Amino acid sequence: MSKMVAFDFNPDRDTLRQFGWIALVGFGFVAAIAWFEVLIFAFGLGTWRVPVAATFAGLGVLAAFFGLVYPPANRPIFVGLSLITFPIGFVLSYVLLGAFFFGMIAPVAIFFRLTGRDPMARGFDPDAESYWSDSRPARAGGRYFKQF
């Protein structure tokens, strides 16, 4: 299992109560886009428009009701949606970060290596007595009031 994405198979009552309200808004939004057949439902649902929209609206109302009355009843929906959305978390955490690293950071590092640039001055100097670098001199306190 991924170390970056942790499953909460046994959420507490407060989390499940909060999930009930979030589910009301989320499923309500999905019901609205199914009713108006936009975004992911733009292909048209035909005769299935009413049952699909009503199902999502009903899930939202049911989750909100359970959030008020008995939050542990939201556990199967919460855990099920967490398991379904795990691939999204995997893609965002591993694939996109890997693409960013190998697409942006690595080429810059390769360019710096090829051109010999060393912004941190890590090169070995056999004639140097020390690699100590002096800090900046102290500044006047009034400069902190003029930041820009």
N, C-alpha and C. Protein backbone atom coordinates (compact mmCIF):
# COMPACT_ATOMS: atom_id res chain seq x y z
N MET A 1 0.84 -1.18 0.00
CA MET A 1 0.00 0.00 0.00
C MET A 1 0.88 1.24 0.00
N SER A 2 0.41 2.28 -0.57
CA SER A 2 1.16 3.51 -0.71
C SER A 2 1.39 4.18 0.64
N LYS A 3 2.55 4.73 0.82
CA LYS A 3 2.84 5.47 2.05
C LYS A 3 2.30 6.89 1.97
N MET A 4 2.07 7.40 0.76
CA MET A 4 1.60 8.77 0.61
C MET A 4 0.09 8.87 0.77
N VAL A 5 -0.63 7.80 0.49
CA VAL A 5 -2.08 7.81 0.60
C VAL A 5 -2.47 6.74 1.61
N ALA A 6 -3.04 7.17 2.73
CA ALA A 6 -3.41 6.23 3.79
C ALA A 6 -4.92 6.05 3.81
N PHE A 7 -5.36 4.81 3.91
CA PHE A 7 -6.78 4.50 4.00
C PHE A 7 -7.23 4.59 5.45
N ASP A 8 -8.41 5.11 5.65
CA ASP A 8 -9.01 5.16 6.97
C ASP A 8 -10.21 4.22 6.94
N PHE A 9 -9.97 2.93 7.25
CA PHE A 9 -11.03 1.94 7.18
C PHE A 9 -11.99 2.02 8.37
N ASN A 10 -11.59 2.71 9.42
CA ASN A 10 -12.42 2.82 10.60
C ASN A 10 -12.48 4.28 11.06
N PRO A 11 -13.17 5.14 10.29
CA PRO A 11 -13.22 6.57 10.65
C PRO A 11 -14.06 6.80 11.90
N ASP A 12 -13.78 7.89 12.60
CA ASP A 12 -14.54 8.20 13.81
C ASP A 12 -15.88 8.86 13.45
N ARG A 13 -16.71 9.07 14.45
CA ARG A 13 -18.06 9.61 14.24
C ARG A 13 -18.03 11.01 13.62
N ASP A 14 -17.09 11.84 14.07
CA ASP A 14 -17.02 13.20 13.54
C ASP A 14 -16.68 13.20 12.05
N THR A 15 -15.77 12.32 11.65
CA THR A 15 -15.41 12.22 10.24
C THR A 15 -16.61 11.76 9.42
N LEU A 16 -17.34 10.79 9.92
CA LEU A 16 -18.50 10.28 9.19
C LEU A 16 -19.63 11.30 9.16
N ARG A 17 -19.77 12.08 10.22
CA ARG A 17 -20.79 13.15 10.23
C ARG A 17 -20.42 14.22 9.20
N GLN A 18 -19.16 14.60 9.17
CA GLN A 18 -18.69 15.58 8.20
C GLN A 18 -18.84 15.03 6.78
N PHE A 19 -18.53 13.75 6.60
CA PHE A 19 -18.69 13.13 5.29
C PHE A 19 -20.15 13.18 4.83
N GLY A 20 -21.09 13.05 5.74
CA GLY A 20 -22.51 13.12 5.37
C GLY A 20 -22.85 14.44 4.71
N TRP A 21 -22.35 15.54 5.27
CA TRP A 21 -22.63 16.86 4.68
C TRP A 21 -21.86 17.06 3.37
N ILE A 22 -20.64 16.59 3.33
CA ILE A 22 -19.86 16.69 2.09
C ILE A 22 -20.52 15.86 1.00
N ALA A 23 -21.02 14.68 1.36
CA ALA A 23 -21.70 13.82 0.38
C ALA A 23 -22.98 14.46 -0.12
N LEU A 24 -23.69 15.17 0.74
CA LEU A 24 -24.90 15.87 0.31
C LEU A 24 -24.56 16.88 -0.79
N VAL A 25 -23.51 17.65 -0.58
CA VAL A 25 -23.11 18.64 -1.58
C VAL A 25 -22.56 17.96 -2.83
N GLY A 26 -21.67 16.98 -2.63
CA GLY A 26 -21.04 16.30 -3.77
C GLY A 26 -22.02 15.52 -4.62
N PHE A 27 -22.85 14.69 -3.99
CA PHE A 27 -23.84 13.93 -4.75
C PHE A 27 -24.92 14.85 -5.33
N GLY A 28 -25.21 15.95 -4.63
CA GLY A 28 -26.15 16.92 -5.18
C GLY A 28 -25.61 17.56 -6.44
N PHE A 29 -24.31 17.86 -6.44
CA PHE A 29 -23.68 18.42 -7.64
C PHE A 29 -23.72 17.42 -8.78
N VAL A 30 -23.39 16.17 -8.50
CA VAL A 30 -23.41 15.13 -9.55
C VAL A 30 -24.85 14.93 -10.05
N ALA A 31 -25.82 15.00 -9.15
CA ALA A 31 -27.23 14.88 -9.57
C ALA A 31 -27.61 16.03 -10.48
N ALA A 32 -27.15 17.23 -10.17
CA ALA A 32 -27.47 18.40 -11.00
C ALA A 32 -26.85 18.29 -12.39
N ILE A 33 -25.58 17.85 -12.45
CA ILE A 33 -24.98 17.74 -13.78
C ILE A 33 -25.57 16.58 -14.57
N ALA A 34 -26.09 15.56 -13.86
CA ALA A 34 -26.79 14.48 -14.57
C ALA A 34 -28.14 14.97 -15.07
N TRP A 35 -28.82 15.78 -14.28
CA TRP A 35 -30.14 16.30 -14.68
C TRP A 35 -30.02 17.22 -15.89
N PHE A 36 -29.02 18.10 -15.88
CA PHE A 36 -28.84 19.05 -16.99
C PHE A 36 -27.96 18.49 -18.10
N GLU A 37 -27.46 17.28 -17.92
CA GLU A 37 -26.65 16.57 -18.92
C GLU A 37 -25.48 17.43 -19.41
N VAL A 38 -24.65 17.85 -18.46
CA VAL A 38 -23.44 18.61 -18.78
C VAL A 38 -22.23 17.88 -18.22
N LEU A 39 -21.06 18.37 -18.57
CA LEU A 39 -19.77 17.81 -18.12
C LEU A 39 -19.68 16.32 -18.45
N ILE A 40 -19.58 15.45 -17.45
CA ILE A 40 -19.37 14.03 -17.74
C ILE A 40 -20.63 13.37 -18.30
N PHE A 41 -21.78 14.00 -18.18
CA PHE A 41 -23.01 13.45 -18.73
C PHE A 41 -23.43 14.16 -20.01
N ALA A 42 -22.51 14.85 -20.66
CA ALA A 42 -22.83 15.61 -21.86
C ALA A 42 -23.22 14.72 -23.03
N PHE A 43 -22.87 13.44 -22.96
CA PHE A 43 -23.23 12.52 -24.04
C PHE A 43 -24.73 12.27 -24.09
N GLY A 44 -25.44 12.64 -23.04
CA GLY A 44 -26.89 12.47 -23.00
C GLY A 44 -27.27 11.15 -22.36
N LEU A 45 -28.14 11.20 -21.38
CA LEU A 45 -28.58 10.00 -20.69
C LEU A 45 -29.88 9.44 -21.24
N GLY A 46 -30.59 10.24 -22.02
CA GLY A 46 -31.84 9.78 -22.60
C GLY A 46 -32.87 9.50 -21.52
N THR A 47 -33.46 8.31 -21.56
CA THR A 47 -34.50 7.95 -20.59
C THR A 47 -33.92 7.68 -19.20
N TRP A 48 -32.61 7.56 -19.09
CA TRP A 48 -31.97 7.30 -17.80
C TRP A 48 -31.67 8.57 -17.02
N ARG A 49 -32.00 9.72 -17.57
CA ARG A 49 -31.68 10.99 -16.91
C ARG A 49 -32.32 11.08 -15.53
N VAL A 50 -33.59 10.82 -15.44
CA VAL A 50 -34.30 10.96 -14.16
C VAL A 50 -33.81 9.92 -13.14
N PRO A 51 -33.70 8.63 -13.48
CA PRO A 51 -33.23 7.67 -12.47
C PRO A 51 -31.80 7.94 -12.00
N VAL A 52 -30.92 8.34 -12.91
CA VAL A 52 -29.52 8.61 -12.51
C VAL A 52 -29.47 9.82 -11.59
N ALA A 53 -30.13 10.90 -11.96
CA ALA A 53 -30.14 12.11 -11.13
C ALA A 53 -30.80 11.83 -9.77
N ALA A 54 -31.88 11.09 -9.78
CA ALA A 54 -32.57 10.78 -8.52
C ALA A 54 -31.72 9.88 -7.63
N THR A 55 -30.98 8.95 -8.21
CA THR A 55 -30.11 8.07 -7.43
C THR A 55 -29.02 8.87 -6.73
N PHE A 56 -28.37 9.76 -7.47
CA PHE A 56 -27.31 10.58 -6.85
C PHE A 56 -27.89 11.53 -5.80
N ALA A 57 -29.02 12.14 -6.08
CA ALA A 57 -29.65 13.03 -5.10
C ALA A 57 -30.06 12.23 -3.86
N GLY A 58 -30.61 11.04 -4.06
CA GLY A 58 -31.00 10.20 -2.94
C GLY A 58 -29.82 9.77 -2.09
N LEU A 59 -28.69 9.43 -2.73
CA LEU A 59 -27.48 9.09 -1.97
C LEU A 59 -27.01 10.26 -1.13
N GLY A 60 -27.08 11.45 -1.69
CA GLY A 60 -26.67 12.63 -0.93
C GLY A 60 -27.56 12.89 0.26
N VAL A 61 -28.87 12.81 0.06
CA VAL A 61 -29.82 13.03 1.15
C VAL A 61 -29.67 11.93 2.20
N LEU A 62 -29.51 10.69 1.76
CA LEU A 62 -29.35 9.58 2.70
C LEU A 62 -28.08 9.72 3.53
N ALA A 63 -26.98 10.13 2.90
CA ALA A 63 -25.73 10.32 3.63
C ALA A 63 -25.85 11.46 4.63
N ALA A 64 -26.52 12.54 4.25
CA ALA A 64 -26.72 13.66 5.18
C ALA A 64 -27.62 13.23 6.35
N PHE A 65 -28.66 12.47 6.05
CA PHE A 65 -29.56 11.98 7.10
C PHE A 65 -28.80 11.08 8.07
N PHE A 66 -28.02 10.15 7.54
CA PHE A 66 -27.22 9.28 8.41
C PHE A 66 -26.19 10.09 9.20
N GLY A 67 -25.66 11.14 8.59
CA GLY A 67 -24.71 12.00 9.30
C GLY A 67 -25.34 12.66 10.50
N LEU A 68 -26.61 12.98 10.42
CA LEU A 68 -27.32 13.59 11.55
C LEU A 68 -27.76 12.57 12.58
N VAL A 69 -28.34 11.46 12.12
CA VAL A 69 -28.97 10.50 13.01
C VAL A 69 -27.99 9.45 13.54
N TYR A 70 -27.29 8.77 12.63
CA TYR A 70 -26.42 7.67 13.02
C TYR A 70 -25.20 7.65 12.08
N PRO A 71 -24.15 8.44 12.38
CA PRO A 71 -23.00 8.56 11.47
C PRO A 71 -22.32 7.25 11.09
N PRO A 72 -22.23 6.21 11.96
CA PRO A 72 -21.57 4.98 11.52
C PRO A 72 -22.23 4.32 10.30
N ALA A 73 -23.47 4.68 9.98
CA ALA A 73 -24.11 4.12 8.79
C ALA A 73 -23.46 4.64 7.52
N ASN A 74 -22.72 5.74 7.60
CA ASN A 74 -22.01 6.29 6.43
C ASN A 74 -20.70 5.57 6.15
N ARG A 75 -20.28 4.69 7.06
CA ARG A 75 -18.99 4.02 6.91
C ARG A 75 -18.85 3.26 5.59
N PRO A 76 -19.83 2.45 5.15
CA PRO A 76 -19.64 1.73 3.88
C PRO A 76 -19.49 2.66 2.68
N ILE A 77 -20.23 3.75 2.66
CA ILE A 77 -20.11 4.70 1.54
C ILE A 77 -18.75 5.39 1.60
N PHE A 78 -18.34 5.80 2.80
CA PHE A 78 -17.06 6.47 2.97
C PHE A 78 -15.90 5.58 2.55
N VAL A 79 -15.88 4.35 3.05
CA VAL A 79 -14.79 3.42 2.73
C VAL A 79 -14.84 3.04 1.25
N GLY A 80 -16.04 2.81 0.73
CA GLY A 80 -16.16 2.46 -0.69
C GLY A 80 -15.65 3.55 -1.61
N LEU A 81 -16.04 4.80 -1.32
CA LEU A 81 -15.55 5.90 -2.15
C LEU A 81 -14.05 6.12 -1.97
N SER A 82 -13.53 5.86 -0.76
CA SER A 82 -12.09 5.97 -0.55
C SER A 82 -11.34 4.94 -1.40
N LEU A 83 -11.86 3.73 -1.46
CA LEU A 83 -11.21 2.69 -2.27
C LEU A 83 -11.32 2.98 -3.77
N ILE A 84 -12.47 3.52 -4.18
CA ILE A 84 -12.65 3.84 -5.60
C ILE A 84 -11.73 4.97 -6.04
N THR A 85 -11.54 5.96 -5.16
CA THR A 85 -10.73 7.12 -5.53
C THR A 85 -9.24 6.93 -5.27
N PHE A 86 -8.84 5.78 -4.76
CA PHE A 86 -7.41 5.54 -4.53
C PHE A 86 -6.58 5.70 -5.80
N PRO A 87 -7.01 5.23 -6.96
CA PRO A 87 -6.19 5.43 -8.16
C PRO A 87 -5.96 6.91 -8.48
N ILE A 88 -6.91 7.76 -8.16
CA ILE A 88 -6.70 9.19 -8.40
C ILE A 88 -5.58 9.70 -7.51
N GLY A 89 -5.58 9.31 -6.25
CA GLY A 89 -4.50 9.69 -5.35
C GLY A 89 -3.16 9.14 -5.80
N PHE A 90 -3.17 7.92 -6.32
CA PHE A 90 -1.93 7.32 -6.81
C PHE A 90 -1.38 8.12 -7.98
N VAL A 91 -2.26 8.46 -8.92
CA VAL A 91 -1.82 9.21 -10.09
C VAL A 91 -1.28 10.58 -9.68
N LEU A 92 -1.99 11.26 -8.79
CA LEU A 92 -1.55 12.58 -8.38
C LEU A 92 -0.25 12.54 -7.61
N SER A 93 -0.07 11.54 -6.77
CA SER A 93 1.12 11.53 -5.93
C SER A 93 2.34 10.95 -6.62
N TYR A 94 2.20 9.94 -7.42
CA TYR A 94 3.36 9.30 -8.02
C TYR A 94 3.60 9.70 -9.47
N VAL A 95 2.60 9.55 -10.29
CA VAL A 95 2.80 9.77 -11.71
C VAL A 95 3.07 11.25 -12.01
N LEU A 96 2.26 12.14 -11.48
CA LEU A 96 2.46 13.56 -11.76
C LEU A 96 3.75 14.09 -11.14
N LEU A 97 4.05 13.68 -9.91
CA LEU A 97 5.31 14.13 -9.31
C LEU A 97 6.52 13.54 -10.05
N GLY A 98 6.41 12.30 -10.49
CA GLY A 98 7.49 11.71 -11.28
C GLY A 98 7.65 12.42 -12.62
N ALA A 99 6.53 12.74 -13.26
CA ALA A 99 6.60 13.47 -14.53
C ALA A 99 7.19 14.86 -14.32
N PHE A 100 6.81 15.52 -13.23
CA PHE A 100 7.38 16.83 -12.94
C PHE A 100 8.89 16.73 -12.71
N PHE A 101 9.31 15.74 -11.94
CA PHE A 101 10.74 15.61 -11.65
C PHE A 101 11.54 15.31 -12.91
N PHE A 102 11.11 14.28 -13.66
CA PHE A 102 11.88 13.90 -14.83
C PHE A 102 11.66 14.83 -16.01
N GLY A 103 10.61 15.63 -15.99
CA GLY A 103 10.36 16.57 -17.09
C GLY A 103 10.90 17.96 -16.84
N MET A 104 11.06 18.35 -15.55
CA MET A 104 11.50 19.71 -15.25
C MET A 104 12.82 19.73 -14.47
N ILE A 105 12.88 19.04 -13.37
CA ILE A 105 14.04 19.13 -12.49
C ILE A 105 15.26 18.43 -13.10
N ALA A 106 15.08 17.22 -13.60
CA ALA A 106 16.21 16.46 -14.15
C ALA A 106 16.85 17.16 -15.35
N PRO A 107 16.07 17.70 -16.32
CA PRO A 107 16.73 18.40 -17.42
C PRO A 107 17.54 19.62 -16.98
N VAL A 108 17.05 20.35 -16.00
CA VAL A 108 17.81 21.50 -15.49
C VAL A 108 19.10 21.02 -14.84
N ALA A 109 19.03 19.95 -14.06
CA ALA A 109 20.23 19.41 -13.43
C ALA A 109 21.22 18.91 -14.47
N ILE A 110 20.74 18.26 -15.50
CA ILE A 110 21.63 17.78 -16.56
C ILE A 110 22.29 18.96 -17.28
N PHE A 111 21.51 20.01 -17.53
CA PHE A 111 22.05 21.21 -18.17
C PHE A 111 23.13 21.83 -17.29
N PHE A 112 22.89 21.92 -16.00
CA PHE A 112 23.89 22.48 -15.08
C PHE A 112 25.15 21.63 -15.07
N ARG A 113 24.99 20.32 -15.07
CA ARG A 113 26.17 19.45 -15.08
C ARG A 113 26.98 19.62 -16.37
N LEU A 114 26.28 19.70 -17.49
CA LEU A 114 26.98 19.83 -18.77
C LEU A 114 27.69 21.17 -18.90
N THR A 115 27.11 22.22 -18.37
CA THR A 115 27.73 23.55 -18.47
C THR A 115 28.69 23.83 -17.33
N GLY A 116 28.76 22.95 -16.33
CA GLY A 116 29.69 23.12 -15.23
C GLY A 116 29.23 24.11 -14.18
N ARG A 117 27.97 24.47 -14.18
CA ARG A 117 27.46 25.42 -13.20
C ARG A 117 27.26 24.71 -11.86
N ASP A 118 27.72 25.36 -10.81
CA ASP A 118 27.60 24.82 -9.45
C ASP A 118 27.13 25.94 -8.53
N PRO A 119 25.81 26.20 -8.47
CA PRO A 119 25.32 27.34 -7.69
C PRO A 119 25.58 27.22 -6.19
N MET A 120 25.81 26.03 -5.68
CA MET A 120 26.08 25.87 -4.25
C MET A 120 27.57 25.85 -3.94
N ALA A 121 28.42 26.00 -4.94
CA ALA A 121 29.87 26.02 -4.78
C ALA A 121 30.35 24.79 -4.00
N ARG A 122 30.00 23.62 -4.51
CA ARG A 122 30.36 22.38 -3.84
C ARG A 122 31.64 21.77 -4.39
N GLY A 123 32.27 22.42 -5.34
CA GLY A 123 33.47 21.86 -5.96
C GLY A 123 34.64 21.77 -4.98
N PHE A 124 35.53 20.85 -5.24
CA PHE A 124 36.71 20.64 -4.40
C PHE A 124 37.81 21.59 -4.82
N ASP A 125 38.36 22.33 -3.86
CA ASP A 125 39.46 23.24 -4.11
C ASP A 125 40.64 22.80 -3.25
N PRO A 126 41.66 22.17 -3.85
CA PRO A 126 42.77 21.66 -3.04
C PRO A 126 43.59 22.76 -2.38
N ASP A 127 43.53 23.99 -2.89
CA ASP A 127 44.32 25.09 -2.32
C ASP A 127 43.58 25.83 -1.21
N ALA A 128 42.33 25.52 -0.99
CA ALA A 128 41.56 26.24 0.02
C ALA A 128 41.93 25.79 1.41
N GLU A 129 42.07 26.76 2.33
CA GLU A 129 42.34 26.43 3.72
C GLU A 129 41.07 25.95 4.42
N SER A 130 39.94 26.52 4.02
CA SER A 130 38.66 26.17 4.63
C SER A 130 37.56 26.41 3.61
N TYR A 131 36.45 25.75 3.80
CA TYR A 131 35.30 25.96 2.93
C TYR A 131 34.26 26.85 3.61
N TRP A 132 34.65 27.50 4.67
CA TRP A 132 33.77 28.39 5.40
C TRP A 132 33.41 29.59 4.53
N SER A 133 32.15 29.96 4.56
CA SER A 133 31.73 31.16 3.85
C SER A 133 31.14 32.13 4.87
N ASP A 134 31.61 33.37 4.81
CA ASP A 134 31.15 34.37 5.76
C ASP A 134 29.68 34.70 5.53
N SER A 135 29.00 34.96 6.64
CA SER A 135 27.59 35.34 6.53
C SER A 135 27.49 36.80 6.11
N ARG A 136 26.30 37.20 5.74
CA ARG A 136 26.09 38.60 5.36
C ARG A 136 26.25 39.48 6.59
N PRO A 137 26.72 40.70 6.41
CA PRO A 137 26.85 41.58 7.57
C PRO A 137 25.48 41.97 8.12
N ALA A 138 25.45 42.33 9.39
CA ALA A 138 24.20 42.73 10.03
C ALA A 138 23.63 43.96 9.35
N ARG A 139 22.32 44.00 9.26
CA ARG A 139 21.66 45.13 8.59
C ARG A 139 20.97 46.00 9.62
N ALA A 140 20.69 47.21 9.21
CA ALA A 140 20.00 48.14 10.10
C ALA A 140 18.56 47.68 10.33
N GLY A 141 18.05 47.89 11.55
CA GLY A 141 16.72 47.45 11.89
C GLY A 141 15.63 48.18 11.12
N GLY A 142 15.90 49.39 10.67
CA GLY A 142 14.88 50.17 9.95
C GLY A 142 14.53 49.58 8.59
N ARG A 143 15.39 48.75 8.04
CA ARG A 143 15.11 48.19 6.71
C ARG A 143 13.92 47.23 6.74
N TYR A 144 13.60 46.68 7.92
CA TYR A 144 12.49 45.74 8.03
C TYR A 144 11.14 46.44 7.84
N PHE A 145 11.12 47.76 8.05
CA PHE A 145 9.88 48.52 7.85
C PHE A 145 9.69 48.93 6.41
N LYS A 146 10.71 48.77 5.57
CA LYS A 146 10.64 49.10 4.15
C LYS A 146 10.94 47.84 3.35
N GLN A 147 9.98 46.95 3.31
CA GLN A 147 10.22 45.65 2.65
C GLN A 147 10.21 45.76 1.14
N PHE A 148 9.51 46.75 0.60
CA PHE A 148 9.40 46.81 -0.86
C PHE A 148 9.98 48.08 -1.40
